[in-house]
Amino acid sequence: MNAMVVSVTRISAIALVALALAGCSSTGGQRSDLTVGAPQVSANGPSQVRFTPYSGRSAVGLLPKPYFVSFRARNAESYGHSFIAYGELDSTGRVPYDRSGVLVPSMVKIAGFHPAGGEAAYSLGHLVPVPALTGASDGDTEIAYLQNEMTIALTPDEYQRVVAFMNKKQGSLTVWNAVVYNCSSFTNDVAEFMGMRGVNHLLFPRNYIEALKKANPRVQTLPDGVDIVG
């Protein structure tokens, strides 16, 4: 056990050095291979996005695949955060946003994995496991902070199975660590449950989602109605 702790600490220290050299940011145009998923919103400001607001109607009862699971990456103060948005599509087959660019709360939920306790716990979690939360974090619902996404439409039966798995997984996760098990580790588990191939959980979230898409070219995805231009 002591050997394992020493090993994890050494790996985390290496990750910290690499992050320091990279500027610890996924918003500066760098393409680092390291990540952990931060719970803060970026001080560098949101991305520029164009989108079509919610049609006003749910796709439930209208489309054969009225539900969705969306693997996402968003901007953050350090190097970003990966998480999952899931719920009902609108009647046009899009993920529903209101006119201010916020996910419609009555139709969409967030599943994620991040440290509890603010910045102190987040920093400590680069060295040792810290208590974790499995819901939404600041910025997850706002389209302005979205950097990348992979959205998959689901039938009611498919959706219920995925949601049941996520709920069970969330109930079993109690500690977060930047290297051993982070936000992208959680999304990998959900992707693999859906029959997809998981990818390196130490990629920056923006690059992680891109790698997830490239690793699963046969998975049919939705364009999400979002154009990320910054």
C-alpha atoms as a PDB file:
ATOM      1  CA  MET A   1       0.000   0.000   0.000  1.00  0.00           C
ATOM      2  CA  ASN A   2       2.826   2.406   0.889  1.00  0.00           C
ATOM      3  CA  ALA A   3       4.509   1.623  -2.428  1.00  0.00           C
ATOM      4  CA  MET A   4       1.272   2.444  -4.243  1.00  0.00           C
ATOM      5  CA  VAL A   5       0.953   5.787  -2.454  1.00  0.00           C
ATOM      6  CA  VAL A   6       4.551   6.665  -3.314  1.00  0.00           C
ATOM      7  CA  SER A   7       3.958   5.692  -6.943  1.00  0.00           C
ATOM      8  CA  VAL A   8       0.808   7.804  -7.225  1.00  0.00           C
ATOM      9  CA  THR A   9       2.564  10.754  -5.579  1.00  0.00           C
ATOM     10  CA  ARG A  10       5.470  10.523  -7.995  1.00  0.00           C
ATOM     11  CA  ILE A  11       3.158  10.352 -11.022  1.00  0.00           C
ATOM     12  CA  SER A  12       1.156  13.318  -9.712  1.00  0.00           C
ATOM     13  CA  ALA A  13       4.338  15.331  -9.169  1.00  0.00           C
ATOM     14  CA  ILE A  14       5.403  14.638 -12.748  1.00  0.00           C
ATOM     15  CA  ALA A  15       1.968  15.739 -13.949  1.00  0.00           C
ATOM     16  CA  LEU A  16       2.210  18.962 -11.949  1.00  0.00           C
ATOM     17  CA  VAL A  17       5.588  19.815 -13.466  1.00  0.00           C
ATOM     18  CA  ALA A  18       4.262  19.165 -16.956  1.00  0.00           C
ATOM     19  CA  LEU A  19       1.206  21.315 -16.275  1.00  0.00           C
ATOM     20  CA  ALA A  20       3.372  24.151 -15.014  1.00  0.00           C
ATOM     21  CA  LEU A  21       5.447  24.008 -18.182  1.00  0.00           C
ATOM     22  CA  ALA A  22       2.284  24.011 -20.277  1.00  0.00           C
ATOM     23  CA  GLY A  23       0.836  27.011 -18.472  1.00  0.00           C
ATOM     24  CA  CYS A  24      -1.938  24.917 -16.895  1.00  0.00           C
ATOM     25  CA  SER A  25      -4.483  26.147 -19.417  1.00  0.00           C
ATOM     26  CA  SER A  26      -6.391  24.625 -22.297  1.00  0.00           C
ATOM     27  CA  THR A  27      -7.571  28.022 -23.489  1.00  0.00           C
ATOM     28  CA  GLY A  28      -4.309  29.432 -24.777  1.00  0.00           C
ATOM     29  CA  GLY A  29      -4.136  27.463 -28.004  1.00  0.00           C
ATOM     30  CA  GLN A  30      -1.777  24.823 -26.611  1.00  0.00           C
ATOM     31  CA  ARG A  31      -2.291  21.130 -27.352  1.00  0.00           C
ATOM     32  CA  SER A  32      -0.919  19.412 -24.278  1.00  0.00           C
ATOM     33  CA  ASP A  33      -1.443  15.739 -23.533  1.00  0.00           C
ATOM     34  CA  LEU A  34      -2.285  16.387 -19.870  1.00  0.00           C
ATOM     35  CA  THR A  35      -5.567  17.177 -18.165  1.00  0.00           C
ATOM     36  CA  VAL A  36      -7.594  16.764 -15.017  1.00  0.00           C
ATOM     37  CA  GLY A  37     -10.809  18.743 -15.297  1.00  0.00           C
ATOM     38  CA  ALA A  38     -11.210  21.868 -13.244  1.00  0.00           C
ATOM     39  CA  PRO A  39     -14.411  23.043 -11.556  1.00  0.00           C
ATOM     40  CA  GLN A  40     -13.836  26.757 -12.158  1.00  0.00           C
ATOM     41  CA  VAL A  41     -14.997  29.011 -14.987  1.00  0.00           C
ATOM     42  CA  SER A  42     -12.265  30.591 -17.072  1.00  0.00           C
ATOM     43  CA  ALA A  43     -10.975  34.055 -16.287  1.00  0.00           C
ATOM     44  CA  ASN A  44     -10.002  34.338 -19.945  1.00  0.00           C
ATOM     45  CA  GLY A  45     -13.615  34.721 -20.956  1.00  0.00           C
ATOM     46  CA  PRO A  46     -16.055  32.490 -22.857  1.00  0.00           C
ATOM     47  CA  SER A  47     -15.757  31.133 -26.372  1.00  0.00           C
ATOM     48  CA  GLN A  48     -17.736  32.683 -29.187  1.00  0.00           C
ATOM     49  CA  VAL A  49     -20.587  30.408 -30.216  1.00  0.00           C
ATOM     50  CA  ARG A  50     -23.600  30.468 -32.469  1.00  0.00           C
ATOM     51  CA  PHE A  51     -26.616  28.311 -31.748  1.00  0.00           C
ATOM     52  CA  THR A  52     -30.345  27.879 -32.359  1.00  0.00           C
ATOM     53  CA  PRO A  53     -32.509  28.336 -29.234  1.00  0.00           C
ATOM     54  CA  TYR A  54     -34.946  25.712 -27.990  1.00  0.00           C
ATOM     55  CA  SER A  55     -37.907  25.120 -30.292  1.00  0.00           C
ATOM     56  CA  GLY A  56     -40.323  25.119 -27.353  1.00  0.00           C
ATOM     57  CA  ARG A  57     -41.264  21.444 -27.701  1.00  0.00           C
ATOM     58  CA  SER A  58     -39.679  18.195 -26.559  1.00  0.00           C
ATOM     59  CA  ALA A  59     -38.815  15.455 -29.042  1.00  0.00           C
ATOM     60  CA  VAL A  60     -40.408  12.848 -26.762  1.00  0.00           C
ATOM     61  CA  GLY A  61     -43.280  11.282 -28.706  1.00  0.00           C
ATOM     62  CA  LEU A  62     -42.148  12.987 -31.913  1.00  0.00           C
ATOM     63  CA  LEU A  63     -38.807  11.419 -32.812  1.00  0.00           C
ATOM     64  CA  PRO A  64     -37.671   7.766 -32.645  1.00  0.00           C
ATOM     65  CA  LYS A  65     -34.587   8.876 -30.708  1.00  0.00           C
ATOM     66  CA  PRO A  66     -35.847  11.737 -28.529  1.00  0.00           C
ATOM     67  CA  TYR A  67     -33.117  11.560 -25.867  1.00  0.00           C
ATOM     68  CA  PHE A  68     -29.401  12.315 -25.896  1.00  0.00           C
ATOM     69  CA  VAL A  69     -26.117  11.853 -24.089  1.00  0.00           C
ATOM     70  CA  SER A  70     -23.500  14.519 -24.817  1.00  0.00           C
ATOM     71  CA  PHE A  71     -19.833  14.093 -23.888  1.00  0.00           C
ATOM     72  CA  ARG A  72     -18.502  17.625 -23.389  1.00  0.00           C
ATOM     73  CA  ALA A  73     -15.491  19.781 -22.638  1.00  0.00           C
ATOM     74  CA  ARG A  74     -15.662  23.325 -21.373  1.00  0.00           C
ATOM     75  CA  ASN A  75     -13.308  26.200 -20.705  1.00  0.00           C
ATOM     76  CA  ALA A  76     -11.927  26.704 -17.180  1.00  0.00           C
ATOM     77  CA  GLU A  77      -9.291  28.696 -15.311  1.00  0.00           C
ATOM     78  CA  SER A  78      -6.755  25.908 -15.537  1.00  0.00           C
ATOM     79  CA  TYR A  79      -7.090  23.322 -18.295  1.00  0.00           C
ATOM     80  CA  GLY A  80     -10.768  22.656 -18.642  1.00  0.00           C
ATOM     81  CA  HIS A  81     -13.361  20.144 -17.499  1.00  0.00           C
ATOM     82  CA  SER A  82     -15.050  17.172 -19.167  1.00  0.00           C
ATOM     83  CA  PHE A  83     -18.579  16.122 -18.217  1.00  0.00           C
ATOM     84  CA  ILE A  84     -21.832  14.702 -19.584  1.00  0.00           C
ATOM     85  CA  ALA A  85     -25.064  16.517 -20.417  1.00  0.00           C
ATOM     86  CA  TYR A  86     -28.085  14.271 -20.944  1.00  0.00           C
ATOM     87  CA  GLY A  87     -31.829  14.506 -21.331  1.00  0.00           C
ATOM     88  CA  GLU A  88     -34.498  15.302 -23.917  1.00  0.00           C
ATOM     89  CA  LEU A  89     -33.852  16.738 -27.357  1.00  0.00           C
ATOM     90  CA  ASP A  90     -36.164  19.447 -28.630  1.00  0.00           C
ATOM     91  CA  SER A  91     -38.606  18.823 -31.487  1.00  0.00           C
ATOM     92  CA  THR A  92     -35.953  19.734 -34.072  1.00  0.00           C
ATOM     93  CA  GLY A  93     -33.535  17.147 -32.723  1.00  0.00           C
ATOM     94  CA  ARG A  94     -31.252  19.658 -31.001  1.00  0.00           C
ATOM     95  CA  VAL A  95     -29.940  19.883 -27.470  1.00  0.00           C
ATOM     96  CA  PRO A  96     -32.225  22.505 -25.866  1.00  0.00           C
ATOM     97  CA  TYR A  97     -30.772  25.905 -24.884  1.00  0.00           C
ATOM     98  CA  ASP A  98     -32.731  28.977 -23.870  1.00  0.00           C
ATOM     99  CA  ARG A  99     -32.120  32.295 -25.650  1.00  0.00           C
ATOM    100  CA  SER A 100     -29.335  33.217 -23.254  1.00  0.00           C
ATOM    101  CA  GLY A 101     -27.414  30.058 -24.130  1.00  0.00           C
ATOM    102  CA  VAL A 102     -28.136  28.055 -20.984  1.00  0.00           C
ATOM    103  CA  LEU A 103     -29.262  24.418 -21.122  1.00  0.00           C
ATOM    104  CA  VAL A 104     -32.998  24.167 -20.381  1.00  0.00           C
ATOM    105  CA  PRO A 105     -33.034  22.751 -16.808  1.00  0.00           C
ATOM    106  CA  SER A 106     -36.392  21.004 -17.145  1.00  0.00           C
ATOM    107  CA  MET A 107     -34.999  18.930 -20.033  1.00  0.00           C
ATOM    108  CA  VAL A 108     -31.277  18.511 -19.355  1.00  0.00           C
ATOM    109  CA  LYS A 109     -29.205  17.143 -16.470  1.00  0.00           C
ATOM    110  CA  ILE A 110     -25.463  17.149 -15.846  1.00  0.00           C
ATOM    111  CA  ALA A 111     -23.281  14.265 -14.672  1.00  0.00           C
ATOM    112  CA  GLY A 112     -19.668  15.020 -13.909  1.00  0.00           C
ATOM    113  CA  PHE A 113     -16.839  14.236 -11.545  1.00  0.00           C
ATOM    114  CA  HIS A 114     -14.855  16.900  -9.738  1.00  0.00           C
ATOM    115  CA  PRO A 115     -13.350  17.620  -6.316  1.00  0.00           C
ATOM    116  CA  ALA A 116     -15.476  18.944  -3.479  1.00  0.00           C
ATOM    117  CA  GLY A 117     -14.227  21.790  -1.304  1.00  0.00           C
ATOM    118  CA  GLY A 118     -13.161  24.475  -3.748  1.00  0.00           C
ATOM    119  CA  GLU A 119      -9.693  25.448  -4.926  1.00  0.00           C
ATOM    120  CA  ALA A 120      -7.823  24.025  -1.933  1.00  0.00           C
ATOM    121  CA  ALA A 121      -9.251  20.546  -2.477  1.00  0.00           C
ATOM    122  CA  TYR A 122      -8.699  20.853  -6.216  1.00  0.00           C
ATOM    123  CA  SER A 123      -5.002  21.658  -5.714  1.00  0.00           C
ATOM    124  CA  LEU A 124      -4.550  18.912  -3.122  1.00  0.00           C
ATOM    125  CA  GLY A 125      -6.213  16.462  -5.498  1.00  0.00           C
ATOM    126  CA  HIS A 126      -3.191  16.679  -7.770  1.00  0.00           C
ATOM    127  CA  LEU A 127      -1.213  14.878  -5.075  1.00  0.00           C
ATOM    128  CA  VAL A 128      -3.636  12.691  -3.136  1.00  0.00           C
ATOM    129  CA  PRO A 129      -7.272  11.556  -3.487  1.00  0.00           C
ATOM    130  CA  VAL A 130      -9.804  14.122  -2.224  1.00  0.00           C
ATOM    131  CA  PRO A 131     -13.594  14.012  -1.630  1.00  0.00           C
ATOM    132  CA  ALA A 132     -15.575  14.280  -4.856  1.00  0.00           C
ATOM    133  CA  LEU A 133     -18.871  15.511  -6.276  1.00  0.00           C
ATOM    134  CA  THR A 134     -20.654  13.933  -9.232  1.00  0.00           C
ATOM    135  CA  GLY A 135     -23.060  16.610 -10.433  1.00  0.00           C
ATOM    136  CA  ALA A 136     -22.781  19.910 -12.250  1.00  0.00           C
ATOM    137  CA  SER A 137     -19.998  22.440 -11.699  1.00  0.00           C
ATOM    138  CA  ASP A 138     -19.953  26.159 -12.520  1.00  0.00           C
ATOM    139  CA  GLY A 139     -20.082  26.751 -16.272  1.00  0.00           C
ATOM    140  CA  ASP A 140     -21.346  23.307 -17.324  1.00  0.00           C
ATOM    141  CA  THR A 141     -24.749  24.556 -18.459  1.00  0.00           C
ATOM    142  CA  GLU A 142     -23.572  27.675 -20.313  1.00  0.00           C
ATOM    143  CA  ILE A 143     -22.908  27.331 -24.010  1.00  0.00           C
ATOM    144  CA  ALA A 144     -20.413  30.205 -23.926  1.00  0.00           C
ATOM    145  CA  TYR A 145     -17.867  27.962 -22.184  1.00  0.00           C
ATOM    146  CA  LEU A 146     -18.353  24.921 -24.427  1.00  0.00           C
ATOM    147  CA  GLN A 147     -15.167  23.883 -26.243  1.00  0.00           C
ATOM    148  CA  ASN A 148     -16.017  20.508 -27.757  1.00  0.00           C
ATOM    149  CA  GLU A 149     -18.818  17.975 -27.693  1.00  0.00           C
ATOM    150  CA  MET A 150     -19.879  14.542 -28.915  1.00  0.00           C
ATOM    151  CA  THR A 151     -23.651  14.209 -28.797  1.00  0.00           C
ATOM    152  CA  ILE A 152     -25.475  10.921 -29.396  1.00  0.00           C
ATOM    153  CA  ALA A 153     -29.240  10.508 -29.852  1.00  0.00           C
ATOM    154  CA  LEU A 154     -30.844   7.584 -28.016  1.00  0.00           C
ATOM    155  CA  THR A 155     -34.094   5.652 -27.996  1.00  0.00           C
ATOM    156  CA  PRO A 156     -36.059   5.636 -24.720  1.00  0.00           C
ATOM    157  CA  ASP A 157     -34.753   2.150 -23.832  1.00  0.00           C
ATOM    158  CA  GLU A 158     -31.139   3.040 -24.629  1.00  0.00           C
ATOM    159  CA  TYR A 159     -31.428   6.228 -22.635  1.00  0.00           C
ATOM    160  CA  GLN A 160     -32.854   4.533 -19.556  1.00  0.00           C
ATOM    161  CA  ARG A 161     -30.023   1.984 -19.536  1.00  0.00           C
ATOM    162  CA  VAL A 162     -27.345   4.675 -19.795  1.00  0.00           C
ATOM    163  CA  VAL A 163     -28.948   6.833 -17.108  1.00  0.00           C
ATOM    164  CA  ALA A 164     -29.224   3.828 -14.769  1.00  0.00           C
ATOM    165  CA  PHE A 165     -25.508   3.116 -15.285  1.00  0.00           C
ATOM    166  CA  MET A 166     -24.536   6.745 -14.653  1.00  0.00           C
ATOM    167  CA  ASN A 167     -26.629   6.909 -11.497  1.00  0.00           C
ATOM    168  CA  LYS A 168     -25.022   3.724 -10.173  1.00  0.00           C
ATOM    169  CA  LYS A 169     -21.554   4.955 -11.096  1.00  0.00           C
ATOM    170  CA  GLN A 170     -22.105   8.318  -9.442  1.00  0.00           C
ATOM    171  CA  GLY A 171     -23.191   6.550  -6.272  1.00  0.00           C
ATOM    172  CA  SER A 172     -19.933   4.587  -6.135  1.00  0.00           C
ATOM    173  CA  LEU A 173     -17.516   7.501  -6.689  1.00  0.00           C
ATOM    174  CA  THR A 174     -16.282   9.171  -3.528  1.00  0.00           C
ATOM    175  CA  VAL A 175     -12.740  10.452  -4.200  1.00  0.00           C
ATOM    176  CA  TRP A 176     -11.105  12.376  -7.062  1.00  0.00           C
ATOM    177  CA  ASN A 177      -7.467  12.455  -8.114  1.00  0.00           C
ATOM    178  CA  ALA A 178      -5.994  14.386 -11.027  1.00  0.00           C
ATOM    179  CA  VAL A 179      -3.980  11.441 -12.334  1.00  0.00           C
ATOM    180  CA  VAL A 180      -5.542   8.216 -11.055  1.00  0.00           C
ATOM    181  CA  TYR A 181      -9.255   8.918 -11.666  1.00  0.00           C
ATOM    182  CA  ASN A 182     -10.442  12.304 -12.934  1.00  0.00           C
ATOM    183  CA  CYS A 183     -13.346  13.839 -14.843  1.00  0.00           C
ATOM    184  CA  SER A 184     -12.393  12.140 -18.111  1.00  0.00           C
ATOM    185  CA  SER A 185     -12.061   8.775 -16.354  1.00  0.00           C
ATOM    186  CA  PHE A 186     -15.747   9.079 -15.467  1.00  0.00           C
ATOM    187  CA  THR A 187     -16.782   9.970 -19.024  1.00  0.00           C
ATOM    188  CA  ASN A 188     -14.648   7.079 -20.316  1.00  0.00           C
ATOM    189  CA  ASP A 189     -16.590   4.647 -18.124  1.00  0.00           C
ATOM    190  CA  VAL A 190     -19.907   5.884 -19.526  1.00  0.00           C
ATOM    191  CA  ALA A 191     -18.627   5.794 -23.117  1.00  0.00           C
ATOM    192  CA  GLU A 192     -17.380   2.236 -22.678  1.00  0.00           C
ATOM    193  CA  PHE A 193     -20.718   1.168 -21.183  1.00  0.00           C
ATOM    194  CA  MET A 194     -22.301   2.481 -24.391  1.00  0.00           C
ATOM    195  CA  GLY A 195     -20.012   0.231 -26.435  1.00  0.00           C
ATOM    196  CA  MET A 196     -17.531   2.935 -27.362  1.00  0.00           C
ATOM    197  CA  ARG A 197     -13.777   2.905 -27.091  1.00  0.00           C
ATOM    198  CA  GLY A 198     -12.376   5.000 -24.251  1.00  0.00           C
ATOM    199  CA  VAL A 199      -9.293   7.184 -24.740  1.00  0.00           C
ATOM    200  CA  ASN A 200      -6.463   8.675 -22.666  1.00  0.00           C
ATOM    201  CA  HIS A 201      -7.987  10.336 -19.598  1.00  0.00           C
ATOM    202  CA  LEU A 202      -4.866  12.523 -19.238  1.00  0.00           C
ATOM    203  CA  LEU A 203      -5.618  14.542 -22.357  1.00  0.00           C
ATOM    204  CA  PHE A 204      -6.862  18.104 -21.914  1.00  0.00           C
ATOM    205  CA  PRO A 205     -10.692  17.856 -21.946  1.00  0.00           C
ATOM    206  CA  ARG A 206     -10.978  19.661 -25.293  1.00  0.00           C
ATOM    207  CA  ASN A 207      -8.511  17.221 -26.845  1.00  0.00           C
ATOM    208  CA  TYR A 208     -10.001  14.307 -24.931  1.00  0.00           C
ATOM    209  CA  ILE A 209     -13.418  14.799 -26.567  1.00  0.00           C
ATOM    210  CA  GLU A 210     -11.766  15.132 -29.983  1.00  0.00           C
ATOM    211  CA  ALA A 211      -9.849  11.897 -29.382  1.00  0.00           C
ATOM    212  CA  LEU A 212     -13.074  10.188 -28.260  1.00  0.00           C
ATOM    213  CA  LYS A 213     -14.742  11.143 -31.541  1.00  0.00           C
ATOM    214  CA  LYS A 214     -11.782   9.951 -33.616  1.00  0.00           C
ATOM    215  CA  ALA A 215     -11.613   6.661 -31.715  1.00  0.00           C
ATOM    216  CA  ASN A 216     -15.303   5.969 -32.454  1.00  0.00           C
ATOM    217  CA  PRO A 217     -15.847   6.979 -36.103  1.00  0.00           C
ATOM    218  CA  ARG A 218     -18.813   4.663 -36.586  1.00  0.00           C
ATOM    219  CA  VAL A 219     -20.840   6.205 -33.772  1.00  0.00           C
ATOM    220  CA  GLN A 220     -23.577   8.394 -35.229  1.00  0.00           C
ATOM    221  CA  THR A 221     -23.480  11.818 -33.617  1.00  0.00           C
ATOM    222  CA  LEU A 222     -25.609  14.956 -33.722  1.00  0.00           C
ATOM    223  CA  PRO A 223     -24.166  18.331 -34.773  1.00  0.00           C
ATOM    224  CA  ASP A 224     -25.826  19.795 -31.641  1.00  0.00           C
ATOM    225  CA  GLY A 225     -26.727  22.978 -33.517  1.00  0.00           C
ATOM    226  CA  VAL A 226     -23.668  24.736 -32.070  1.00  0.00           C
ATOM    227  CA  ASP A 227     -20.896  26.465 -34.006  1.00  0.00           C
ATOM    228  CA  ILE A 228     -17.851  27.028 -31.780  1.00  0.00           C
ATOM    229  CA  VAL A 229     -15.859  29.849 -33.347  1.00  0.00           C
ATOM    230  CA  GLY A 230     -13.517  30.895 -30.553  1.00  0.00           C
END
